[in-house]
Amino acid sequence: MMPREKLEKYGPGELTNAELLAILLRTGTKERGVTVLAEACMEKYGGSLYALERETLEGLSQLKGIGEVKAITIKSALELGVRYYKERLLQRTKITEPEDVFVFCLEMSMLDQEHVRVLSLDSKNRVIGLDDVTKGTVNASLIHPREVFRKAILNSAVAIILVHNHPSGDPYPSEEDRKITEKITQSGELLSIPCRDHVIIGRGSFFSFTAGRTFLKGDIENGREPRAAEVAEVKRSP
C-alpha cells in the first residue's frame, strides 16, 4: 500500500517517518521509487527528524534524488512542525518553577550556538511570548535591555524570564552571564517589568539564578533541595 493510500485509510499517526516524507517528496527517480528514496534519506540521518532538520538546505539539495525543490519542501514542512510545537506550548505553559522553563526550552540544549531568548509572562505566569534576542557569543555588551524589553512590551508582558543555552553542555554561569543578569534585572525594575529568573540551559541540566544552583535531570525527578554552598556561591558578589 502506498503512503498516501495508507494515510487515507488509517490516518497519519500510522505512517512511519519515511512514509510521511515520501508523501512530501511526491516522486522518486528512475532508479528508486519515492518510498525507497524517502527511506534512504531518513537512513542518511540515522532515522532522526532532528538531524534532518539540522541539515542545511544546500546539504539536502545535494542528496541523490532530492535536489533543490524537494529540499525546500522538506525544510518547509519541518519548520511548520517547529512552529506548531512552539504555538502549542504557548497555549498551555504556566511557569511556576525553574524546571518549567527548562522543559519549555529543552530544544535549546541541542543548539550548537548560544541563543538568548526572552519568555514573556502574563499576570498568571502563563507564557504569552517566546522571542529570540540574539545568537552567537553571549556578551553583556552585546545584549541591550532595549531589545529584551521591546519584545516584552509588544507582548504586553507583566514579567519576563531570560533564557540562554551553553553549547558546551555545562550550564554553570560565567562572569558575563552574571553581568547580563544584573543588567536585565535592574532594567526590569525601572520599567516595572521584573525579570523573574535567568535560566541557563545545558545538556540534561540547567542553572537558575533565582534558585541559585544547577539542577541535574536526577534532581528534577527526585526533588533534591539546593545545597547551601550552591546558593551562597551564586549570591556571593563577584
C-alpha atoms as a PDB file:
ATOM      1  CA  MET A   1       0.000   0.000   0.000  1.00  0.00           C
ATOM      2  CA  MET A   2       1.355   3.398  -0.978  1.00  0.00           C
ATOM      3  CA  PRO A   3       1.847   6.012   1.777  1.00  0.00           C
ATOM      4  CA  ARG A   4      -0.974   8.260   0.521  1.00  0.00           C
ATOM      5  CA  GLU A   5      -3.444   5.374   0.495  1.00  0.00           C
ATOM      6  CA  LYS A   6      -2.276   4.253   3.929  1.00  0.00           C
ATOM      7  CA  LEU A   7      -2.806   7.745   5.347  1.00  0.00           C
ATOM      8  CA  GLU A   8      -6.315   7.954   3.890  1.00  0.00           C
ATOM      9  CA  LYS A   9      -7.257   4.583   5.349  1.00  0.00           C
ATOM     10  CA  TYR A  10      -5.540   4.642   8.751  1.00  0.00           C
ATOM     11  CA  GLY A  11      -4.613   8.275   9.452  1.00  0.00           C
ATOM     12  CA  PRO A  12      -1.182   9.983   9.616  1.00  0.00           C
ATOM     13  CA  GLY A  13      -0.327   8.515  13.012  1.00  0.00           C
ATOM     14  CA  GLU A  14       0.039   5.048  11.494  1.00  0.00           C
ATOM     15  CA  LEU A  15       2.712   6.087   8.995  1.00  0.00           C
ATOM     16  CA  THR A  16       6.446   5.878   9.583  1.00  0.00           C
ATOM     17  CA  ASN A  17       8.619   8.969   9.253  1.00  0.00           C
ATOM     18  CA  ALA A  18       9.870   7.672   5.918  1.00  0.00           C
ATOM     19  CA  GLU A  19       6.314   7.181   4.639  1.00  0.00           C
ATOM     20  CA  LEU A  20       5.317  10.713   5.651  1.00  0.00           C
ATOM     21  CA  LEU A  21       8.452  12.016   3.970  1.00  0.00           C
ATOM     22  CA  ALA A  22       7.558  10.073   0.817  1.00  0.00           C
ATOM     23  CA  ILE A  23       4.241  11.946   0.640  1.00  0.00           C
ATOM     24  CA  LEU A  24       6.132  15.243   0.776  1.00  0.00           C
ATOM     25  CA  LEU A  25       8.608  14.150  -1.902  1.00  0.00           C
ATOM     26  CA  ARG A  26       5.750  13.026  -4.199  1.00  0.00           C
ATOM     27  CA  THR A  27       8.005  11.388  -6.810  1.00  0.00           C
ATOM     28  CA  GLY A  28      11.106   9.249  -6.860  1.00  0.00           C
ATOM     29  CA  THR A  29      13.757   8.777  -9.533  1.00  0.00           C
ATOM     30  CA  LYS A  30      14.252   6.340 -12.387  1.00  0.00           C
ATOM     31  CA  GLU A  31      16.394   4.178 -10.115  1.00  0.00           C
ATOM     32  CA  ARG A  32      14.352   4.428  -6.904  1.00  0.00           C
ATOM     33  CA  GLY A  33      10.677   4.808  -6.134  1.00  0.00           C
ATOM     34  CA  VAL A  34       9.580   7.583  -3.820  1.00  0.00           C
ATOM     35  CA  THR A  35       9.251   5.314  -0.758  1.00  0.00           C
ATOM     36  CA  VAL A  36      12.737   3.879  -1.243  1.00  0.00           C
ATOM     37  CA  LEU A  37      14.092   7.395  -1.763  1.00  0.00           C
ATOM     38  CA  ALA A  38      12.459   8.597   1.457  1.00  0.00           C
ATOM     39  CA  GLU A  39      13.798   5.602   3.388  1.00  0.00           C
ATOM     40  CA  ALA A  40      17.307   6.277   2.060  1.00  0.00           C
ATOM     41  CA  CYS A  41      17.006   9.918   3.098  1.00  0.00           C
ATOM     42  CA  MET A  42      15.956   9.009   6.641  1.00  0.00           C
ATOM     43  CA  GLU A  43      18.711   6.392   6.858  1.00  0.00           C
ATOM     44  CA  LYS A  44      21.251   9.056   5.870  1.00  0.00           C
ATOM     45  CA  TYR A  45      20.332  10.936   9.060  1.00  0.00           C
ATOM     46  CA  GLY A  46      20.097   7.906  11.310  1.00  0.00           C
ATOM     47  CA  GLY A  47      16.304   7.941  11.251  1.00  0.00           C
ATOM     48  CA  SER A  48      16.347  11.215  13.194  1.00  0.00           C
ATOM     49  CA  LEU A  49      14.000  14.054  12.280  1.00  0.00           C
ATOM     50  CA  TYR A  50      16.133  16.321  14.442  1.00  0.00           C
ATOM     51  CA  ALA A  51      19.240  15.506  12.385  1.00  0.00           C
ATOM     52  CA  LEU A  52      17.238  16.030   9.201  1.00  0.00           C
ATOM     53  CA  GLU A  53      16.011  19.414  10.443  1.00  0.00           C
ATOM     54  CA  ARG A  54      19.555  20.478  11.346  1.00  0.00           C
ATOM     55  CA  GLU A  55      20.843  19.789   7.835  1.00  0.00           C
ATOM     56  CA  THR A  56      21.314  22.828   5.629  1.00  0.00           C
ATOM     57  CA  LEU A  57      19.251  23.420   2.515  1.00  0.00           C
ATOM     58  CA  GLU A  58      22.399  23.012   0.451  1.00  0.00           C
ATOM     59  CA  GLY A  59      23.226  19.719   2.144  1.00  0.00           C
ATOM     60  CA  LEU A  60      19.758  18.328   1.486  1.00  0.00           C
ATOM     61  CA  SER A  61      19.816  19.517  -2.118  1.00  0.00           C
ATOM     62  CA  GLN A  62      22.992  17.557  -2.789  1.00  0.00           C
ATOM     63  CA  LEU A  63      21.487  14.221  -1.757  1.00  0.00           C
ATOM     64  CA  LYS A  64      20.954  11.935  -4.742  1.00  0.00           C
ATOM     65  CA  GLY A  65      17.344  12.125  -5.873  1.00  0.00           C
ATOM     66  CA  ILE A  66      16.411  15.096  -3.673  1.00  0.00           C
ATOM     67  CA  GLY A  67      17.503  18.292  -5.401  1.00  0.00           C
ATOM     68  CA  GLU A  68      16.583  21.862  -4.544  1.00  0.00           C
ATOM     69  CA  VAL A  69      12.789  21.684  -4.937  1.00  0.00           C
ATOM     70  CA  LYS A  70      12.374  18.608  -2.731  1.00  0.00           C
ATOM     71  CA  ALA A  71      14.859  20.026  -0.209  1.00  0.00           C
ATOM     72  CA  ILE A  72      12.812  23.232   0.076  1.00  0.00           C
ATOM     73  CA  THR A  73       9.665  21.161   0.621  1.00  0.00           C
ATOM     74  CA  ILE A  74      11.339  19.170   3.409  1.00  0.00           C
ATOM     75  CA  LYS A  75      12.701  22.275   5.154  1.00  0.00           C
ATOM     76  CA  SER A  76       9.308  23.998   4.928  1.00  0.00           C
ATOM     77  CA  ALA A  77       7.477  21.021   6.441  1.00  0.00           C
ATOM     78  CA  LEU A  78       9.965  20.702   9.295  1.00  0.00           C
ATOM     79  CA  GLU A  79       9.740  24.417  10.059  1.00  0.00           C
ATOM     80  CA  LEU A  80       5.946  24.138  10.227  1.00  0.00           C
ATOM     81  CA  GLY A  81       6.411  21.356  12.772  1.00  0.00           C
ATOM     82  CA  VAL A  82       8.711  23.521  14.887  1.00  0.00           C
ATOM     83  CA  ARG A  83       6.258  26.430  14.786  1.00  0.00           C
ATOM     84  CA  TYR A  84       3.333  24.172  15.682  1.00  0.00           C
ATOM     85  CA  TYR A  85       5.267  22.837  18.681  1.00  0.00           C
ATOM     86  CA  LYS A  86       6.068  26.350  19.916  1.00  0.00           C
ATOM     87  CA  GLU A  87       2.497  27.542  19.411  1.00  0.00           C
ATOM     88  CA  ARG A  88       1.089  24.585  21.326  1.00  0.00           C
ATOM     89  CA  LEU A  89       3.499  25.198  24.188  1.00  0.00           C
ATOM     90  CA  LEU A  90       2.473  28.844  24.360  1.00  0.00           C
ATOM     91  CA  GLN A  91      -1.163  27.842  24.731  1.00  0.00           C
ATOM     92  CA  ARG A  92      -0.534  25.500  27.645  1.00  0.00           C
ATOM     93  CA  THR A  93       2.508  26.584  29.599  1.00  0.00           C
ATOM     94  CA  LYS A  94       2.408  28.162  33.026  1.00  0.00           C
ATOM     95  CA  ILE A  95       5.739  28.884  34.695  1.00  0.00           C
ATOM     96  CA  THR A  96       5.803  28.151  38.415  1.00  0.00           C
ATOM     97  CA  GLU A  97       9.277  26.633  38.869  1.00  0.00           C
ATOM     98  CA  PRO A  98      12.656  26.840  37.096  1.00  0.00           C
ATOM     99  CA  GLU A  99      12.035  23.281  35.887  1.00  0.00           C
ATOM    100  CA  ASP A 100       9.095  24.575  33.839  1.00  0.00           C
ATOM    101  CA  VAL A 101      11.453  26.875  31.943  1.00  0.00           C
ATOM    102  CA  PHE A 102      13.860  24.004  31.301  1.00  0.00           C
ATOM    103  CA  VAL A 103      11.104  21.777  29.903  1.00  0.00           C
ATOM    104  CA  PHE A 104       9.657  24.602  27.820  1.00  0.00           C
ATOM    105  CA  CYS A 105      13.047  25.455  26.296  1.00  0.00           C
ATOM    106  CA  LEU A 106      14.504  21.940  26.208  1.00  0.00           C
ATOM    107  CA  GLU A 107      15.290  22.087  22.483  1.00  0.00           C
ATOM    108  CA  MET A 108      17.831  24.823  23.245  1.00  0.00           C
ATOM    109  CA  SER A 109      20.059  22.163  24.821  1.00  0.00           C
ATOM    110  CA  MET A 110      20.802  20.821  21.333  1.00  0.00           C
ATOM    111  CA  LEU A 111      21.703  24.123  19.670  1.00  0.00           C
ATOM    112  CA  ASP A 112      25.307  24.457  18.522  1.00  0.00           C
ATOM    113  CA  GLN A 113      25.378  28.235  19.068  1.00  0.00           C
ATOM    114  CA  GLU A 114      24.457  30.313  22.088  1.00  0.00           C
ATOM    115  CA  HIS A 115      20.959  31.775  21.804  1.00  0.00           C
ATOM    116  CA  VAL A 116      19.346  34.299  24.133  1.00  0.00           C
ATOM    117  CA  ARG A 117      15.561  34.236  24.365  1.00  0.00           C
ATOM    118  CA  VAL A 118      13.015  36.069  26.445  1.00  0.00           C
ATOM    119  CA  LEU A 119       9.860  34.487  27.833  1.00  0.00           C
ATOM    120  CA  SER A 120       7.046  36.994  28.284  1.00  0.00           C
ATOM    121  CA  LEU A 121       4.621  36.196  31.112  1.00  0.00           C
ATOM    122  CA  ASP A 122       1.129  37.415  31.908  1.00  0.00           C
ATOM    123  CA  SER A 123      -0.273  38.108  35.380  1.00  0.00           C
ATOM    124  CA  LYS A 124      -0.913  34.372  35.913  1.00  0.00           C
ATOM    125  CA  ASN A 125       2.643  33.379  34.942  1.00  0.00           C
ATOM    126  CA  ARG A 126       1.493  31.955  31.630  1.00  0.00           C
ATOM    127  CA  VAL A 127       3.871  32.232  28.685  1.00  0.00           C
ATOM    128  CA  ILE A 128       2.469  34.691  26.159  1.00  0.00           C
ATOM    129  CA  GLY A 129       5.600  35.153  24.078  1.00  0.00           C
ATOM    130  CA  LEU A 130       8.879  33.440  23.228  1.00  0.00           C
ATOM    131  CA  ASP A 131      11.306  35.631  21.302  1.00  0.00           C
ATOM    132  CA  ASP A 132      14.918  35.420  20.192  1.00  0.00           C
ATOM    133  CA  VAL A 133      17.090  38.320  21.304  1.00  0.00           C
ATOM    134  CA  THR A 134      20.450  37.311  19.883  1.00  0.00           C
ATOM    135  CA  LYS A 135      22.567  34.327  18.917  1.00  0.00           C
ATOM    136  CA  GLY A 136      26.288  33.730  18.848  1.00  0.00           C
ATOM    137  CA  THR A 137      28.689  34.664  21.628  1.00  0.00           C
ATOM    138  CA  VAL A 138      26.737  35.907  24.644  1.00  0.00           C
ATOM    139  CA  ASN A 139      28.360  39.080  25.891  1.00  0.00           C
ATOM    140  CA  ALA A 140      26.938  41.647  28.292  1.00  0.00           C
ATOM    141  CA  SER A 141      27.975  44.456  25.964  1.00  0.00           C
ATOM    142  CA  LEU A 142      26.028  42.901  23.061  1.00  0.00           C
ATOM    143  CA  ILE A 143      22.750  42.267  24.885  1.00  0.00           C
ATOM    144  CA  HIS A 144      20.927  45.545  25.296  1.00  0.00           C
ATOM    145  CA  PRO A 145      17.936  45.776  27.657  1.00  0.00           C
ATOM    146  CA  ARG A 146      16.128  47.709  24.928  1.00  0.00           C
ATOM    147  CA  GLU A 147      15.935  44.599  22.730  1.00  0.00           C
ATOM    148  CA  VAL A 148      14.912  42.349  25.613  1.00  0.00           C
ATOM    149  CA  PHE A 149      12.133  44.572  26.909  1.00  0.00           C
ATOM    150  CA  ARG A 150      10.934  45.693  23.491  1.00  0.00           C
ATOM    151  CA  LYS A 151       9.741  42.112  22.964  1.00  0.00           C
ATOM    152  CA  ALA A 152       8.105  42.084  26.393  1.00  0.00           C
ATOM    153  CA  ILE A 153       6.312  45.388  25.835  1.00  0.00           C
ATOM    154  CA  LEU A 154       4.994  44.246  22.450  1.00  0.00           C
ATOM    155  CA  ASN A 155       3.653  41.116  24.169  1.00  0.00           C
ATOM    156  CA  SER A 156       2.062  43.193  26.982  1.00  0.00           C
ATOM    157  CA  ALA A 157       4.086  41.171  29.481  1.00  0.00           C
ATOM    158  CA  VAL A 158       3.943  41.839  33.214  1.00  0.00           C
ATOM    159  CA  ALA A 159       7.212  39.947  33.773  1.00  0.00           C
ATOM    160  CA  ILE A 160       9.925  38.148  31.828  1.00  0.00           C
ATOM    161  CA  ILE A 161      12.345  35.264  32.185  1.00  0.00           C
ATOM    162  CA  LEU A 162      15.664  35.383  30.361  1.00  0.00           C
ATOM    163  CA  VAL A 163      16.878  32.092  28.898  1.00  0.00           C
ATOM    164  CA  HIS A 164      20.034  31.133  27.082  1.00  0.00           C
ATOM    165  CA  ASN A 165      21.972  27.966  26.359  1.00  0.00           C
ATOM    166  CA  HIS A 166      25.554  26.805  26.769  1.00  0.00           C
ATOM    167  CA  PRO A 167      26.516  24.619  23.771  1.00  0.00           C
ATOM    168  CA  SER A 168      29.285  23.077  25.906  1.00  0.00           C
ATOM    169  CA  GLY A 169      26.556  21.375  27.928  1.00  0.00           C
ATOM    170  CA  ASP A 170      27.713  22.876  31.244  1.00  0.00           C
ATOM    171  CA  PRO A 171      25.110  25.408  32.450  1.00  0.00           C
ATOM    172  CA  TYR A 172      27.218  26.967  35.213  1.00  0.00           C
ATOM    173  CA  PRO A 173      27.179  30.769  34.737  1.00  0.00           C
ATOM    174  CA  SER A 174      30.175  32.714  33.502  1.00  0.00           C
ATOM    175  CA  GLU A 175      31.100  36.196  34.666  1.00  0.00           C
ATOM    176  CA  GLU A 176      29.394  37.576  31.546  1.00  0.00           C
ATOM    177  CA  ASP A 177      26.223  35.671  32.441  1.00  0.00           C
ATOM    178  CA  ARG A 178      26.205  37.313  35.864  1.00  0.00           C
ATOM    179  CA  LYS A 179      26.662  40.769  34.336  1.00  0.00           C
ATOM    180  CA  ILE A 180      23.802  40.157  31.912  1.00  0.00           C
ATOM    181  CA  THR A 181      21.537  39.032  34.747  1.00  0.00           C
ATOM    182  CA  GLU A 182      22.324  42.112  36.812  1.00  0.00           C
ATOM    183  CA  LYS A 183      21.816  44.489  33.888  1.00  0.00           C
ATOM    184  CA  ILE A 184      18.485  42.992  32.804  1.00  0.00           C
ATOM    185  CA  THR A 185      17.222  42.757  36.396  1.00  0.00           C
ATOM    186  CA  GLN A 186      17.992  46.428  37.054  1.00  0.00           C
ATOM    187  CA  SER A 187      16.344  47.490  33.799  1.00  0.00           C
ATOM    188  CA  GLY A 188      13.256  45.449  34.609  1.00  0.00           C
ATOM    189  CA  GLU A 189      12.905  47.202  37.950  1.00  0.00           C
ATOM    190  CA  LEU A 190      12.996  50.592  36.234  1.00  0.00           C
ATOM    191  CA  LEU A 191      10.358  49.525  33.699  1.00  0.00           C
ATOM    192  CA  SER A 192       8.177  47.707  36.260  1.00  0.00           C
ATOM    193  CA  ILE A 193       8.558  44.528  34.196  1.00  0.00           C
ATOM    194  CA  PRO A 194      10.556  42.318  36.577  1.00  0.00           C
ATOM    195  CA  CYS A 195      12.968  39.696  35.322  1.00  0.00           C
ATOM    196  CA  ARG A 196      11.933  36.759  37.488  1.00  0.00           C
ATOM    197  CA  ASP A 197      14.793  34.477  36.550  1.00  0.00           C
ATOM    198  CA  HIS A 198      17.669  33.865  34.202  1.00  0.00           C
ATOM    199  CA  VAL A 199      17.870  30.194  33.267  1.00  0.00           C
ATOM    200  CA  ILE A 200      20.888  28.717  31.506  1.00  0.00           C
ATOM    201  CA  ILE A 201      20.188  25.512  29.587  1.00  0.00           C
ATOM    202  CA  GLY A 202      22.813  22.758  29.437  1.00  0.00           C
ATOM    203  CA  ARG A 203      22.565  19.150  28.306  1.00  0.00           C
ATOM    204  CA  GLY A 204      20.440  17.304  30.830  1.00  0.00           C
ATOM    205  CA  SER A 205      20.890  20.141  33.311  1.00  0.00           C
ATOM    206  CA  PHE A 206      20.174  23.825  33.824  1.00  0.00           C
ATOM    207  CA  PHE A 207      21.105  26.693  36.104  1.00  0.00           C
ATOM    208  CA  SER A 208      18.595  29.052  37.716  1.00  0.00           C
ATOM    209  CA  PHE A 209      19.767  32.378  39.127  1.00  0.00           C
ATOM    210  CA  THR A 210      16.606  32.620  41.229  1.00  0.00           C
ATOM    211  CA  ALA A 211      17.127  29.185  42.780  1.00  0.00           C
ATOM    212  CA  GLY A 212      20.861  29.802  42.964  1.00  0.00           C
ATOM    213  CA  ARG A 213      22.009  26.422  41.749  1.00  0.00           C
ATOM    214  CA  THR A 214      22.435  23.913  38.962  1.00  0.00           C
ATOM    215  CA  PHE A 215      19.707  21.310  38.504  1.00  0.00           C
ATOM    216  CA  LEU A 216      20.531  17.901  37.062  1.00  0.00           C
ATOM    217  CA  LYS A 217      17.966  15.613  35.478  1.00  0.00           C
ATOM    218  CA  GLY A 218      18.068  13.385  38.556  1.00  0.00           C
ATOM    219  CA  ASP A 219      17.446  16.373  40.824  1.00  0.00           C
ATOM    220  CA  ILE A 220      14.323  17.273  38.877  1.00  0.00           C
ATOM    221  CA  GLU A 221      12.985  13.733  39.092  1.00  0.00           C
ATOM    222  CA  ASN A 222      13.897  13.254  42.769  1.00  0.00           C
ATOM    223  CA  GLY A 223      13.154  16.762  44.042  1.00  0.00           C
ATOM    224  CA  ARG A 224      16.595  17.358  45.600  1.00  0.00           C
ATOM    225  CA  GLU A 225      16.807  20.537  47.673  1.00  0.00           C
ATOM    226  CA  PRO A 226      19.599  23.033  46.877  1.00  0.00           C
ATOM    227  CA  ARG A 227      22.772  22.767  48.886  1.00  0.00           C
ATOM    228  CA  ALA A 228      23.581  25.862  50.953  1.00  0.00           C
ATOM    229  CA  ALA A 229      27.017  26.115  49.354  1.00  0.00           C
ATOM    230  CA  GLU A 230      25.454  26.300  45.895  1.00  0.00           C
ATOM    231  CA  VAL A 231      23.159  29.152  46.878  1.00  0.00           C
ATOM    232  CA  ALA A 232      25.979  31.028  48.587  1.00  0.00           C
ATOM    233  CA  GLU A 233      28.208  30.650  45.529  1.00  0.00           C
ATOM    234  CA  VAL A 234      25.674  32.301  43.238  1.00  0.00           C
ATOM    235  CA  LYS A 235      24.549  35.056  45.586  1.00  0.00           C
ATOM    236  CA  ARG A 236      28.078  35.984  46.546  1.00  0.00           C
ATOM    237  CA  SER A 237      29.264  39.223  44.977  1.00  0.00           C
ATOM    238  CA  PRO A 238      31.906  38.686  42.259  1.00  0.00           C
END
